[in-house]
N, C-alpha and C. Protein backbone atom coordinates (compact mmCIF):
# COMPACT_ATOMS: atom_id res chain seq x y z
N UNK A 1 -88.74 2.45 0.76
CA UNK A 1 -89.42 3.13 2.02
C UNK A 1 -88.23 3.24 3.04
N UNK A 2 -87.29 2.23 3.23
CA UNK A 2 -86.33 2.38 4.27
C UNK A 2 -85.50 3.70 3.92
N UNK A 3 -85.24 3.83 2.67
CA UNK A 3 -84.25 4.96 2.39
C UNK A 3 -84.99 6.30 2.78
N UNK A 4 -86.27 6.43 2.54
CA UNK A 4 -87.00 7.56 2.89
C UNK A 4 -87.02 7.84 4.42
N UNK A 5 -87.18 6.63 5.15
CA UNK A 5 -87.34 6.77 6.43
C UNK A 5 -86.00 7.22 7.24
N UNK A 6 -84.85 6.66 6.57
CA UNK A 6 -83.41 7.05 7.05
C UNK A 6 -83.12 8.57 6.69
N UNK A 7 -83.77 8.96 5.52
CA UNK A 7 -83.53 10.32 5.10
C UNK A 7 -84.20 11.38 6.00
N UNK A 8 -85.62 10.96 6.52
CA UNK A 8 -86.40 11.71 7.43
C UNK A 8 -85.65 11.75 8.66
N UNK A 9 -85.09 10.76 9.13
CA UNK A 9 -84.40 10.85 10.41
C UNK A 9 -83.19 11.91 10.50
N UNK A 10 -82.40 11.71 9.22
CA UNK A 10 -81.21 12.52 8.96
C UNK A 10 -81.63 14.05 9.02
N UNK A 11 -82.81 14.43 8.48
CA UNK A 11 -83.43 15.70 8.39
C UNK A 11 -83.68 16.14 9.74
N UNK A 12 -84.45 15.34 10.47
CA UNK A 12 -84.71 15.81 11.94
C UNK A 12 -83.61 16.07 12.72
N UNK A 13 -82.57 15.27 12.61
CA UNK A 13 -81.44 15.42 13.38
C UNK A 13 -80.76 16.51 12.95
N UNK A 14 -80.44 16.78 11.73
CA UNK A 14 -79.74 18.00 11.31
C UNK A 14 -80.35 19.30 11.65
N UNK A 15 -81.71 19.33 11.41
CA UNK A 15 -82.43 20.47 11.64
C UNK A 15 -82.38 20.77 13.21
N UNK A 16 -82.58 19.75 14.08
CA UNK A 16 -82.31 20.01 15.44
C UNK A 16 -81.07 20.63 15.81
N UNK A 17 -80.05 20.25 15.25
CA UNK A 17 -78.61 20.79 15.57
C UNK A 17 -78.54 22.02 15.16
N UNK A 18 -78.90 22.32 13.98
CA UNK A 18 -78.83 23.63 13.27
C UNK A 18 -79.65 24.77 14.28
N UNK A 19 -80.73 24.32 14.74
CA UNK A 19 -81.72 25.19 15.43
C UNK A 19 -81.08 25.49 16.83
N UNK A 20 -80.38 24.72 17.45
CA UNK A 20 -79.86 24.93 18.68
C UNK A 20 -78.58 25.86 18.74
N UNK A 21 -78.07 25.96 17.50
CA UNK A 21 -76.82 26.95 17.57
C UNK A 21 -77.16 28.17 16.61
N UNK A 22 -76.66 29.44 17.00
CA UNK A 22 -76.61 30.57 16.35
C UNK A 22 -75.51 30.55 15.29
N UNK A 23 -75.66 30.30 14.03
CA UNK A 23 -74.54 29.89 13.05
C UNK A 23 -73.84 31.29 12.74
N UNK A 24 -74.54 32.40 13.19
CA UNK A 24 -73.64 33.64 12.86
C UNK A 24 -72.48 33.72 13.90
N UNK A 25 -72.52 33.01 14.83
CA UNK A 25 -71.41 32.94 15.90
C UNK A 25 -70.52 31.65 15.55
N UNK A 26 -69.23 31.78 15.90
CA UNK A 26 -68.45 30.80 15.70
C UNK A 26 -68.50 29.67 16.99
N UNK A 27 -69.24 28.75 16.81
CA UNK A 27 -69.75 27.76 17.88
C UNK A 27 -68.58 26.76 18.00
N UNK A 28 -68.20 26.49 19.18
CA UNK A 28 -67.29 25.37 19.52
C UNK A 28 -68.28 24.15 19.78
N UNK A 29 -68.04 23.00 19.00
CA UNK A 29 -68.95 21.81 19.01
C UNK A 29 -68.03 20.61 19.57
N UNK A 30 -66.91 20.74 19.60
CA UNK A 30 -66.08 19.63 20.12
C UNK A 30 -64.56 20.11 20.26
N UNK A 31 -63.96 19.29 21.41
CA UNK A 31 -62.56 19.78 21.66
C UNK A 31 -62.02 18.26 21.94
N UNK A 32 -60.88 18.18 21.43
CA UNK A 32 -60.06 16.89 21.90
C UNK A 32 -58.58 17.51 22.13
N UNK A 33 -57.77 16.78 22.96
CA UNK A 33 -56.55 17.17 23.21
C UNK A 33 -55.71 16.04 23.57
N UNK A 34 -54.36 16.32 23.42
CA UNK A 34 -53.43 15.29 23.95
C UNK A 34 -52.15 16.03 24.36
N UNK A 35 -51.87 15.52 25.65
CA UNK A 35 -50.73 16.36 26.28
C UNK A 35 -49.47 15.88 25.69
N UNK A 36 -48.57 16.94 25.63
CA UNK A 36 -47.21 16.68 25.09
C UNK A 36 -46.09 17.13 26.21
N UNK A 37 -45.06 17.12 26.13
CA UNK A 37 -44.05 17.56 27.07
C UNK A 37 -44.22 19.10 27.22
N UNK A 38 -44.98 19.58 28.19
CA UNK A 38 -45.20 21.04 28.53
C UNK A 38 -46.06 21.71 27.64
N UNK A 39 -46.57 21.05 26.65
CA UNK A 39 -47.54 21.46 25.67
C UNK A 39 -48.77 20.83 25.53
N UNK A 40 -49.73 21.29 24.86
CA UNK A 40 -50.98 20.51 24.65
C UNK A 40 -51.45 20.69 23.27
N UNK A 41 -51.63 19.50 22.45
CA UNK A 41 -52.19 19.62 21.25
C UNK A 41 -53.67 19.69 21.29
N UNK A 42 -54.40 20.83 20.85
CA UNK A 42 -55.97 20.87 20.79
C UNK A 42 -56.45 20.66 19.53
N UNK A 43 -57.39 19.85 19.35
CA UNK A 43 -58.28 19.76 18.09
C UNK A 43 -59.61 20.21 18.28
N UNK A 44 -59.84 21.27 17.74
CA UNK A 44 -61.02 22.01 18.04
C UNK A 44 -62.13 22.18 16.82
N UNK A 45 -63.20 21.71 16.97
CA UNK A 45 -64.30 21.73 15.96
C UNK A 45 -65.23 23.00 16.07
N UNK A 46 -65.33 23.86 15.16
CA UNK A 46 -66.15 24.89 15.06
C UNK A 46 -67.27 24.72 14.08
N UNK A 47 -68.49 25.17 14.30
CA UNK A 47 -69.69 25.34 13.32
C UNK A 47 -70.16 26.67 13.18
N UNK A 48 -70.03 27.18 12.18
CA UNK A 48 -70.37 28.65 11.62
C UNK A 48 -70.81 28.83 10.36
N UNK A 49 -71.64 29.72 10.01
CA UNK A 49 -72.10 29.96 8.79
C UNK A 49 -71.06 30.92 8.10
N UNK A 50 -70.16 30.21 7.25
CA UNK A 50 -69.09 30.94 6.50
C UNK A 50 -69.35 31.34 5.02
N UNK A 51 -70.59 30.78 4.58
CA UNK A 51 -70.94 30.86 3.12
C UNK A 51 -71.19 32.12 2.82
N UNK A 52 -70.30 32.68 2.05
CA UNK A 52 -70.32 34.00 1.16
C UNK A 52 -70.30 35.13 2.37
N UNK A 53 -69.74 34.79 3.52
CA UNK A 53 -69.88 35.99 4.60
C UNK A 53 -68.41 36.45 4.73
N UNK A 54 -68.18 37.69 4.54
CA UNK A 54 -66.81 38.21 4.92
C UNK A 54 -66.57 37.95 6.41
N UNK A 55 -67.48 37.80 7.43
CA UNK A 55 -67.20 37.50 8.59
C UNK A 55 -67.04 36.06 8.95
N UNK A 56 -66.07 35.46 8.57
CA UNK A 56 -65.98 34.09 8.68
C UNK A 56 -65.32 33.80 10.19
N UNK A 57 -65.15 32.62 10.54
CA UNK A 57 -64.58 32.28 11.88
C UNK A 57 -63.06 32.37 11.72
N UNK A 58 -62.57 33.47 12.31
CA UNK A 58 -61.18 33.94 12.10
C UNK A 58 -60.15 33.14 13.01
N UNK A 59 -60.64 32.82 14.18
CA UNK A 59 -59.67 31.99 15.12
C UNK A 59 -60.59 31.41 16.33
N UNK A 60 -59.94 30.48 17.01
CA UNK A 60 -60.49 29.95 18.10
C UNK A 60 -59.24 30.02 19.30
N UNK A 61 -59.55 30.21 20.60
CA UNK A 61 -58.50 30.43 21.52
C UNK A 61 -58.87 29.65 22.80
N UNK A 62 -57.93 29.23 23.62
CA UNK A 62 -57.91 28.63 24.75
C UNK A 62 -57.38 29.60 25.86
N UNK A 63 -58.39 29.69 26.92
CA UNK A 63 -58.19 30.60 28.05
C UNK A 63 -58.20 29.85 29.32
N UNK A 64 -57.65 30.48 30.33
CA UNK A 64 -57.86 30.13 31.66
C UNK A 64 -59.31 30.39 32.15
N UNK A 65 -59.93 29.84 33.17
CA UNK A 65 -61.26 30.25 33.60
C UNK A 65 -61.56 31.71 33.75
N UNK A 66 -60.48 32.38 34.13
CA UNK A 66 -60.46 33.84 34.54
C UNK A 66 -60.33 34.62 33.16
N UNK A 67 -60.14 34.00 32.00
CA UNK A 67 -60.04 34.92 30.81
C UNK A 67 -58.60 35.07 30.47
N UNK A 68 -57.66 34.57 31.09
CA UNK A 68 -56.32 34.89 30.57
C UNK A 68 -56.07 33.95 29.32
N UNK A 69 -55.66 34.61 28.26
CA UNK A 69 -55.27 33.92 26.91
C UNK A 69 -54.10 33.08 27.27
N UNK A 70 -54.29 31.67 26.80
CA UNK A 70 -53.21 30.69 26.78
C UNK A 70 -52.63 30.47 25.51
N UNK A 71 -53.52 30.60 24.50
CA UNK A 71 -53.12 30.20 23.00
C UNK A 71 -54.27 30.46 22.16
N UNK A 72 -53.87 30.65 20.74
CA UNK A 72 -54.98 31.00 19.67
C UNK A 72 -54.58 30.16 18.46
N UNK A 73 -55.55 29.89 17.72
CA UNK A 73 -55.23 29.16 16.44
C UNK A 73 -55.90 30.29 15.42
N UNK A 74 -55.22 30.78 14.61
CA UNK A 74 -55.75 31.71 13.56
C UNK A 74 -56.14 30.86 12.44
N UNK A 75 -57.38 31.18 11.80
CA UNK A 75 -57.91 30.61 10.66
C UNK A 75 -57.99 31.62 9.59
N UNK A 76 -57.52 31.24 8.38
CA UNK A 76 -57.19 32.24 7.36
C UNK A 76 -58.24 32.34 6.18
N UNK A 77 -59.30 31.53 6.23
CA UNK A 77 -60.18 31.55 5.07
C UNK A 77 -61.54 31.03 5.62
N UNK A 78 -62.55 31.21 4.91
CA UNK A 78 -63.95 30.81 5.19
C UNK A 78 -64.00 29.13 5.08
N UNK A 79 -64.88 28.45 5.71
CA UNK A 79 -65.06 26.99 5.60
C UNK A 79 -66.45 26.58 5.12
N UNK A 80 -67.22 27.40 4.85
CA UNK A 80 -68.66 27.10 4.49
C UNK A 80 -69.32 26.65 5.71
N UNK A 81 -70.60 26.41 5.49
CA UNK A 81 -71.42 25.97 6.70
C UNK A 81 -71.26 24.61 7.00
N UNK A 82 -70.28 24.10 7.51
CA UNK A 82 -70.01 22.86 7.96
C UNK A 82 -69.18 22.97 9.12
N UNK A 83 -69.16 21.73 10.02
CA UNK A 83 -68.36 21.80 10.97
C UNK A 83 -66.94 21.44 10.55
N UNK A 84 -65.92 22.00 11.00
CA UNK A 84 -64.67 21.76 10.70
C UNK A 84 -63.74 21.84 11.89
N UNK A 85 -62.49 20.99 11.87
CA UNK A 85 -61.53 20.97 13.00
C UNK A 85 -60.34 21.32 12.48
N UNK A 86 -59.68 22.23 13.31
CA UNK A 86 -58.33 22.67 13.08
C UNK A 86 -57.66 22.40 14.47
N UNK A 87 -56.10 22.25 14.26
CA UNK A 87 -55.44 21.74 15.47
C UNK A 87 -54.26 22.96 15.74
N UNK A 88 -53.82 23.09 16.89
CA UNK A 88 -52.85 23.75 17.40
C UNK A 88 -52.24 23.19 18.65
N UNK A 89 -50.75 23.33 18.66
CA UNK A 89 -50.00 22.88 19.95
C UNK A 89 -49.84 24.33 20.68
N UNK A 90 -50.29 24.23 21.85
CA UNK A 90 -50.32 25.43 22.75
C UNK A 90 -49.41 25.03 23.93
N UNK A 91 -48.42 26.01 24.10
CA UNK A 91 -47.37 25.83 25.15
C UNK A 91 -47.91 26.22 26.62
N UNK A 92 -48.74 25.19 27.32
CA UNK A 92 -49.31 25.55 28.56
C UNK A 92 -49.02 24.54 29.51
N UNK A 93 -49.06 25.06 30.71
CA UNK A 93 -49.19 24.03 31.83
C UNK A 93 -50.33 23.59 32.10
N UNK A 94 -50.69 22.45 32.34
CA UNK A 94 -52.02 22.05 32.43
C UNK A 94 -52.81 22.57 33.88
N UNK A 95 -53.97 23.15 33.41
CA UNK A 95 -54.70 23.58 34.43
C UNK A 95 -55.88 22.69 34.56
N UNK A 96 -56.59 22.70 35.60
CA UNK A 96 -57.70 21.69 35.79
C UNK A 96 -58.83 21.89 34.85
N UNK A 97 -59.27 23.16 34.58
CA UNK A 97 -60.20 23.49 33.61
C UNK A 97 -59.79 24.45 32.56
N UNK A 98 -59.94 24.46 31.33
CA UNK A 98 -59.70 25.66 30.32
C UNK A 98 -61.17 25.97 29.63
N UNK A 99 -61.00 27.25 29.07
CA UNK A 99 -62.27 27.61 28.08
C UNK A 99 -61.72 27.55 26.74
N UNK A 100 -62.55 27.14 25.79
CA UNK A 100 -62.30 27.13 24.51
C UNK A 100 -63.36 28.05 23.65
N UNK A 101 -62.97 29.16 23.23
CA UNK A 101 -63.95 29.95 22.40
C UNK A 101 -63.79 30.13 21.03
N UNK A 102 -64.74 30.20 20.11
CA UNK A 102 -64.62 30.47 18.87
C UNK A 102 -64.80 32.01 18.69
N UNK A 103 -64.23 32.62 17.50
CA UNK A 103 -64.37 33.94 17.35
C UNK A 103 -64.67 34.19 15.80
N UNK A 104 -65.62 35.22 15.36
CA UNK A 104 -65.51 35.49 13.83
C UNK A 104 -65.38 37.00 13.70
N UNK A 105 -64.84 37.20 12.45
CA UNK A 105 -64.45 38.57 12.14
C UNK A 105 -65.51 39.50 12.30
N UNK A 106 -66.77 39.32 12.04
CA UNK A 106 -68.01 40.19 12.11
C UNK A 106 -68.59 40.47 13.53
N UNK A 107 -68.70 39.40 14.24
CA UNK A 107 -69.51 39.26 15.52
C UNK A 107 -68.76 39.21 16.66
N UNK A 108 -67.36 38.86 16.35
CA UNK A 108 -66.52 38.56 17.69
C UNK A 108 -66.77 37.36 18.30
N UNK A 109 -66.68 37.40 19.69
CA UNK A 109 -66.98 36.16 20.43
C UNK A 109 -68.48 35.97 20.56
N UNK A 110 -69.00 34.70 20.89
CA UNK A 110 -70.37 34.44 21.18
C UNK A 110 -70.63 33.18 20.66
N UNK A 111 -71.84 32.78 20.88
CA UNK A 111 -72.28 31.39 20.62
C UNK A 111 -71.90 30.35 21.68
N UNK A 112 -71.71 29.20 21.31
CA UNK A 112 -71.39 28.01 22.31
C UNK A 112 -69.78 27.91 22.50
N UNK A 113 -69.56 27.84 23.64
CA UNK A 113 -67.91 27.67 24.20
C UNK A 113 -67.81 26.32 24.70
N UNK A 114 -66.73 25.92 25.08
CA UNK A 114 -66.59 24.52 25.60
C UNK A 114 -65.47 24.82 26.92
N UNK A 115 -66.01 24.34 27.99
CA UNK A 115 -65.31 24.14 29.32
C UNK A 115 -64.62 22.77 29.23
N UNK A 116 -63.47 22.56 29.41
CA UNK A 116 -62.69 21.35 29.21
C UNK A 116 -61.82 21.11 30.43
N UNK A 117 -62.15 19.99 31.17
CA UNK A 117 -61.38 19.37 32.26
C UNK A 117 -60.24 18.69 31.72
N UNK A 118 -59.04 19.19 32.03
CA UNK A 118 -57.72 18.76 31.45
C UNK A 118 -57.29 17.53 32.26
N UNK A 119 -58.07 17.15 33.31
CA UNK A 119 -57.75 16.01 34.13
C UNK A 119 -58.56 14.69 33.59
N UNK A 120 -59.82 15.03 33.40
CA UNK A 120 -60.83 14.01 33.25
C UNK A 120 -61.30 13.94 31.78
N UNK A 121 -60.96 15.05 31.06
CA UNK A 121 -61.41 15.08 29.29
C UNK A 121 -63.01 15.51 29.63
N UNK A 122 -63.69 15.77 30.69
CA UNK A 122 -64.96 16.11 30.62
C UNK A 122 -65.10 17.50 29.84
N UNK A 123 -66.26 17.61 29.26
CA UNK A 123 -66.59 18.84 28.37
C UNK A 123 -67.79 19.26 28.71
N UNK A 124 -68.11 20.53 28.98
CA UNK A 124 -69.23 21.26 29.24
C UNK A 124 -69.57 22.27 28.15
N UNK A 125 -70.49 22.22 27.26
CA UNK A 125 -70.67 23.12 26.31
C UNK A 125 -71.77 24.17 26.71
N UNK A 126 -71.53 25.39 26.77
CA UNK A 126 -72.20 26.49 27.27
C UNK A 126 -72.54 27.56 26.27
N UNK A 127 -73.77 27.94 26.09
CA UNK A 127 -74.17 29.22 25.39
C UNK A 127 -73.73 30.34 26.00
N UNK A 128 -72.65 30.98 25.53
CA UNK A 128 -72.27 32.38 26.24
C UNK A 128 -73.01 33.56 25.81
N UNK A 129 -73.83 33.40 24.79
CA UNK A 129 -74.59 34.69 24.45
C UNK A 129 -73.57 35.28 23.31
N UNK A 130 -73.88 36.68 23.16
CA UNK A 130 -73.17 37.49 22.22
C UNK A 130 -72.02 38.11 22.82
N UNK A 131 -71.82 38.13 24.14
CA UNK A 131 -70.68 38.64 24.71
C UNK A 131 -69.76 37.75 25.47
N UNK A 132 -68.49 37.70 25.49
CA UNK A 132 -67.79 36.75 26.14
C UNK A 132 -67.98 37.09 27.66
N UNK A 133 -67.98 36.06 28.40
CA UNK A 133 -68.14 36.03 29.89
C UNK A 133 -67.01 35.41 30.51
N UNK A 134 -66.71 35.98 31.72
CA UNK A 134 -65.63 35.36 32.43
C UNK A 134 -66.14 34.08 33.07
N UNK A 135 -65.62 32.99 32.87
CA UNK A 135 -65.92 31.63 33.32
C UNK A 135 -65.57 31.18 34.80
N UNK A 136 -64.80 32.04 35.48
CA UNK A 136 -64.14 31.71 36.76
C UNK A 136 -65.18 31.34 37.62
N UNK A 137 -66.30 32.04 37.68
CA UNK A 137 -67.47 31.67 38.71
C UNK A 137 -68.25 30.70 38.12
N UNK A 138 -68.15 30.05 36.99
CA UNK A 138 -69.14 29.07 36.40
C UNK A 138 -69.71 28.17 37.38
N UNK A 139 -68.69 27.46 38.20
CA UNK A 139 -69.22 26.36 38.84
C UNK A 139 -69.93 26.83 40.25
N UNK A 140 -69.69 28.10 40.70
CA UNK A 140 -70.33 28.50 41.84
C UNK A 140 -71.66 29.01 41.58
N UNK A 141 -71.68 29.77 40.26
CA UNK A 141 -72.98 30.61 39.87
C UNK A 141 -73.37 29.94 38.52
N UNK A 142 -74.13 29.17 38.50
CA UNK A 142 -74.48 28.55 37.18
C UNK A 142 -75.76 29.27 36.58
N UNK A 143 -75.42 30.53 36.20
CA UNK A 143 -76.41 31.36 35.50
C UNK A 143 -76.25 31.18 34.11
N UNK A 144 -75.41 30.46 33.43
CA UNK A 144 -75.09 29.98 32.16
C UNK A 144 -76.03 29.05 31.55
N UNK A 145 -76.36 29.07 30.24
CA UNK A 145 -77.23 28.07 29.69
C UNK A 145 -76.42 26.86 29.07
N UNK A 146 -76.35 25.78 29.97
CA UNK A 146 -75.54 24.54 29.43
C UNK A 146 -76.24 23.87 28.35
N UNK A 147 -75.53 23.78 27.17
CA UNK A 147 -76.08 23.05 26.10
C UNK A 147 -76.09 21.39 26.26
N UNK A 148 -74.96 21.01 26.76
CA UNK A 148 -74.73 19.55 26.69
C UNK A 148 -73.48 19.21 27.60
N UNK A 149 -73.37 18.34 28.14
CA UNK A 149 -72.05 17.92 28.83
C UNK A 149 -71.55 16.58 28.34
N UNK A 150 -70.36 16.29 28.37
CA UNK A 150 -69.71 15.11 27.74
C UNK A 150 -68.73 14.74 28.59
N UNK A 151 -68.76 13.39 29.17
CA UNK A 151 -67.57 13.12 29.87
C UNK A 151 -66.60 12.26 29.27
N UNK A 152 -66.84 11.82 28.06
CA UNK A 152 -65.83 11.03 27.20
C UNK A 152 -65.15 12.05 26.26
N UNK A 153 -64.16 11.80 25.83
CA UNK A 153 -63.15 12.68 25.03
C UNK A 153 -63.40 12.31 23.62
N UNK A 154 -64.32 11.42 23.22
CA UNK A 154 -64.27 10.90 21.90
C UNK A 154 -65.55 11.27 21.16
N UNK A 155 -66.63 11.85 21.93
CA UNK A 155 -67.91 12.20 21.10
C UNK A 155 -68.05 13.55 21.05
N UNK A 156 -69.03 13.99 20.27
CA UNK A 156 -69.26 15.44 20.03
C UNK A 156 -70.40 15.88 20.63
N UNK A 157 -70.41 17.18 20.72
CA UNK A 157 -71.73 17.85 21.53
C UNK A 157 -72.95 17.49 20.79
N UNK A 158 -74.00 17.17 21.56
CA UNK A 158 -75.31 16.83 21.03
C UNK A 158 -76.46 17.66 21.60
N UNK A 159 -77.04 18.42 20.99
CA UNK A 159 -77.94 19.26 21.56
C UNK A 159 -78.99 18.18 22.52
N UNK A 160 -79.42 18.67 23.41
CA UNK A 160 -80.39 17.79 24.32
C UNK A 160 -81.55 17.44 23.65
N UNK A 161 -82.11 18.23 22.69
CA UNK A 161 -83.42 17.81 22.08
C UNK A 161 -83.22 16.69 20.99
N UNK A 162 -81.84 16.63 20.48
CA UNK A 162 -81.72 15.64 19.39
C UNK A 162 -82.05 14.28 19.59
N UNK A 163 -81.70 13.81 20.93
CA UNK A 163 -82.17 12.34 21.23
C UNK A 163 -83.47 12.18 21.25
N UNK A 164 -84.22 13.04 21.62
CA UNK A 164 -85.86 13.12 21.73
C UNK A 164 -86.48 13.04 20.36
N UNK A 165 -85.82 13.96 19.44
CA UNK A 165 -86.27 13.89 17.94
C UNK A 165 -85.90 12.54 17.36
N UNK A 166 -84.70 12.02 17.66
CA UNK A 166 -84.48 10.66 16.94
C UNK A 166 -85.39 9.67 17.49
N UNK A 167 -85.65 9.63 18.73
CA UNK A 167 -86.71 8.61 19.11
C UNK A 167 -88.02 8.92 18.40
N UNK A 168 -88.52 10.03 18.38
CA UNK A 168 -89.66 10.30 17.76
C UNK A 168 -89.64 9.96 16.27
N UNK A 169 -88.65 10.21 15.58
CA UNK A 169 -88.41 9.82 14.15
C UNK A 169 -88.60 8.36 14.00
N UNK A 170 -87.93 7.42 14.83
CA UNK A 170 -87.92 6.12 14.80
C UNK A 170 -89.34 5.55 14.89
N UNK A 171 -90.02 6.22 15.99
CA UNK A 171 -91.50 5.71 16.26
C UNK A 171 -92.43 6.01 14.96
N UNK A 172 -91.99 7.19 14.46
CA UNK A 172 -92.98 7.56 13.14
C UNK A 172 -92.59 6.67 11.98
N UNK A 173 -91.34 6.27 11.91
CA UNK A 173 -90.87 5.37 10.75
C UNK A 173 -91.54 4.05 11.01
N UNK A 174 -91.56 3.52 12.25
CA UNK A 174 -92.23 2.25 12.63
C UNK A 174 -93.67 2.24 12.19
N UNK A 175 -94.35 3.40 12.51
CA UNK A 175 -95.78 3.42 12.26
C UNK A 175 -96.08 3.51 10.69
N UNK A 176 -95.11 4.15 9.83
CA UNK A 176 -95.37 4.18 8.50
C UNK A 176 -95.04 2.78 7.86
N UNK A 177 -94.23 2.17 8.35
CA UNK A 177 -93.84 0.73 7.85
C UNK A 177 -95.14 -0.18 8.02
N UNK A 178 -95.98 0.03 9.15
CA UNK A 178 -97.15 -0.87 9.22
C UNK A 178 -98.18 -0.58 8.39
């Protein structure tokens, strides 16, 4: 019975995560970074449906808020429909905020991007839609759909509905045990 309860919870959490992201797009789900002398090592996690698709996630890039390209990590092959992390050292001077976007060979930019505060490691995950948007006015004009925020540099983006579904699954599991 416990195994079935755990299995049900995992299904609910996985389904919730998949439903919040358009997997045709190369979604950024996490960003970690380490400052090096005049450079930054970025670890970027993407989530994209690469199964059998010629339009695999082909790169991720780091930009300034106004869209200036600071660096890019080329991805040379499909990764399946799983979250995967790739790293790159980008020679940039530290800006307060940077934008990290995923790209796929068929659809281009789109899906979820990450705004990363290089001073505090705060991350804001934003659904940018199917067209890349200039993020320089993000903080003055919040017309973007915020998926989640994260002020710690060690945890991943979690859709806002996931905690609610998890609580519901636990309550259902307790009811089943009775």
